Amino acid sequence: MLMLLNRTKEKSTYKKDRITERPLRSIIKTISWRIVGTLDTIMISWFLTGKIETALAIGSVELVTKMVLYFGHERLWNLIPYGKE
């Protein structure tokens, strides 16, 4: 816990963040978030339709489209210096 608190005190710079936040990191974050999001979508779809086949179809389409959108969104935000010191 102390290590985490010490890390938050370190000054971060836009240049440093831009170098350390590589596209591969965004890809890994995209995949992990989409697993969570897709499972949520499948569960909601199954609850609403009562059909697991329909829920899986909705989830599979949503998985691909939202990964592409999230990756683009993440990379665009990485270019914006707002909130970076």
C-alpha atoms as a PDB file:
ATOM      1  CA  MET A   1       0.000   0.000   0.000  1.00  0.00           C
ATOM      2  CA  LEU A   2       2.806   2.383   0.895  1.00  0.00           C
ATOM      3  CA  MET A   3       4.463   1.705  -2.448  1.00  0.00           C
ATOM      4  CA  LEU A   4       1.233   2.592  -4.236  1.00  0.00           C
ATOM      5  CA  LEU A   5       0.968   5.860  -2.310  1.00  0.00           C
ATOM      6  CA  ASN A   6       4.567   6.726  -3.111  1.00  0.00           C
ATOM      7  CA  ARG A   7       3.960   6.122  -6.811  1.00  0.00           C
ATOM      8  CA  THR A   8       1.084   8.604  -6.857  1.00  0.00           C
ATOM      9  CA  LYS A   9       3.421  11.305  -5.557  1.00  0.00           C
ATOM     10  CA  GLU A  10       5.786  10.874  -8.510  1.00  0.00           C
ATOM     11  CA  LYS A  11       5.485  13.584 -11.122  1.00  0.00           C
ATOM     12  CA  SER A  12       4.196  12.326 -14.413  1.00  0.00           C
ATOM     13  CA  THR A  13       4.848  14.094 -17.667  1.00  0.00           C
ATOM     14  CA  TYR A  14       3.020  13.916 -20.943  1.00  0.00           C
ATOM     15  CA  LYS A  15       6.229  12.944 -22.729  1.00  0.00           C
ATOM     16  CA  LYS A  16       6.907  10.112 -20.247  1.00  0.00           C
ATOM     17  CA  ASP A  17       3.307   8.845 -20.402  1.00  0.00           C
ATOM     18  CA  ARG A  18       3.335   8.940 -24.175  1.00  0.00           C
ATOM     19  CA  ILE A  19       6.434   6.753 -24.249  1.00  0.00           C
ATOM     20  CA  THR A  20       5.262   4.308 -21.574  1.00  0.00           C
ATOM     21  CA  GLU A  21       1.693   3.881 -22.831  1.00  0.00           C
ATOM     22  CA  ARG A  22       2.443   1.748 -25.855  1.00  0.00           C
ATOM     23  CA  PRO A  23      -0.161   0.445 -28.315  1.00  0.00           C
ATOM     24  CA  LEU A  24       0.375  -3.137 -27.050  1.00  0.00           C
ATOM     25  CA  ARG A  25      -0.748  -2.017 -23.591  1.00  0.00           C
ATOM     26  CA  SER A  26      -3.888  -0.533 -25.135  1.00  0.00           C
ATOM     27  CA  ILE A  27      -4.529  -3.808 -26.971  1.00  0.00           C
ATOM     28  CA  ILE A  28      -4.221  -5.842 -23.749  1.00  0.00           C
ATOM     29  CA  LYS A  29      -6.478  -3.403 -21.881  1.00  0.00           C
ATOM     30  CA  THR A  30      -8.951  -3.567 -24.757  1.00  0.00           C
ATOM     31  CA  ILE A  31      -9.125  -7.369 -24.662  1.00  0.00           C
ATOM     32  CA  SER A  32      -9.461  -7.615 -20.877  1.00  0.00           C
ATOM     33  CA  TRP A  33     -12.187  -4.968 -20.755  1.00  0.00           C
ATOM     34  CA  ARG A  34     -14.082  -6.553 -23.633  1.00  0.00           C
ATOM     35  CA  ILE A  35     -14.144  -9.920 -21.880  1.00  0.00           C
ATOM     36  CA  VAL A  36     -15.894  -8.279 -18.942  1.00  0.00           C
ATOM     37  CA  GLY A  37     -18.181  -6.195 -21.142  1.00  0.00           C
ATOM     38  CA  THR A  38     -19.105  -9.069 -23.436  1.00  0.00           C
ATOM     39  CA  LEU A  39     -19.980 -11.377 -20.548  1.00  0.00           C
ATOM     40  CA  ASP A  40     -22.212  -8.608 -19.230  1.00  0.00           C
ATOM     41  CA  THR A  41     -23.885  -8.189 -22.628  1.00  0.00           C
ATOM     42  CA  ILE A  42     -24.436 -11.937 -22.970  1.00  0.00           C
ATOM     43  CA  MET A  43     -26.010 -12.153 -19.513  1.00  0.00           C
ATOM     44  CA  ILE A  44     -28.321  -9.192 -20.167  1.00  0.00           C
ATOM     45  CA  SER A  45     -29.264 -10.518 -23.611  1.00  0.00           C
ATOM     46  CA  TRP A  46     -29.990 -13.958 -22.190  1.00  0.00           C
ATOM     47  CA  PHE A  47     -32.103 -12.426 -19.435  1.00  0.00           C
ATOM     48  CA  LEU A  48     -34.104 -10.308 -21.902  1.00  0.00           C
ATOM     49  CA  THR A  49     -34.555 -12.894 -24.663  1.00  0.00           C
ATOM     50  CA  GLY A  50     -34.488 -16.130 -22.688  1.00  0.00           C
ATOM     51  CA  LYS A  51     -32.413 -17.646 -25.518  1.00  0.00           C
ATOM     52  CA  ILE A  52     -28.750 -18.416 -24.974  1.00  0.00           C
ATOM     53  CA  GLU A  53     -28.142 -18.732 -28.747  1.00  0.00           C
ATOM     54  CA  THR A  54     -29.388 -15.189 -29.333  1.00  0.00           C
ATOM     55  CA  ALA A  55     -27.410 -13.911 -26.362  1.00  0.00           C
ATOM     56  CA  LEU A  56     -24.193 -15.491 -27.688  1.00  0.00           C
ATOM     57  CA  ALA A  57     -24.806 -14.062 -31.171  1.00  0.00           C
ATOM     58  CA  ILE A  58     -25.329 -10.567 -29.764  1.00  0.00           C
ATOM     59  CA  GLY A  59     -22.261 -10.952 -27.541  1.00  0.00           C
ATOM     60  CA  SER A  60     -20.006 -12.109 -30.382  1.00  0.00           C
ATOM     61  CA  VAL A  61     -20.917  -9.168 -32.642  1.00  0.00           C
ATOM     62  CA  GLU A  62     -20.603  -6.724 -29.766  1.00  0.00           C
ATOM     63  CA  LEU A  63     -17.192  -8.168 -28.829  1.00  0.00           C
ATOM     64  CA  VAL A  64     -15.616  -7.288 -32.170  1.00  0.00           C
ATOM     65  CA  THR A  65     -17.215  -3.899 -32.762  1.00  0.00           C
ATOM     66  CA  LYS A  66     -16.547  -2.557 -29.280  1.00  0.00           C
ATOM     67  CA  MET A  67     -12.923  -3.732 -29.238  1.00  0.00           C
ATOM     68  CA  VAL A  68     -12.232  -1.744 -32.381  1.00  0.00           C
ATOM     69  CA  LEU A  69     -14.051   1.312 -31.033  1.00  0.00           C
ATOM     70  CA  TYR A  70     -12.340   1.123 -27.634  1.00  0.00           C
ATOM     71  CA  PHE A  71      -8.857   0.768 -29.119  1.00  0.00           C
ATOM     72  CA  GLY A  72      -9.385   3.851 -31.289  1.00  0.00           C
ATOM     73  CA  HIS A  73     -10.828   5.768 -28.347  1.00  0.00           C
ATOM     74  CA  GLU A  74      -7.907   4.789 -26.108  1.00  0.00           C
ATOM     75  CA  ARG A  75      -5.290   5.819 -28.665  1.00  0.00           C
ATOM     76  CA  LEU A  76      -7.002   9.162 -29.306  1.00  0.00           C
ATOM     77  CA  TRP A  77      -7.127   9.937 -25.588  1.00  0.00           C
ATOM     78  CA  ASN A  78      -3.449   9.083 -25.337  1.00  0.00           C
ATOM     79  CA  LEU A  79      -2.763  11.970 -27.747  1.00  0.00           C
ATOM     80  CA  ILE A  80      -4.683  14.484 -25.635  1.00  0.00           C
ATOM     81  CA  PRO A  81      -2.481  16.142 -23.010  1.00  0.00           C
ATOM     82  CA  TYR A  82      -5.442  17.181 -20.827  1.00  0.00           C
ATOM     83  CA  GLY A  83      -5.056  15.743 -17.326  1.00  0.00           C
ATOM     84  CA  LYS A  84      -1.450  14.759 -17.840  1.00  0.00           C
ATOM     85  CA  GLU A  85       1.212  16.712 -16.030  1.00  0.00           C
END
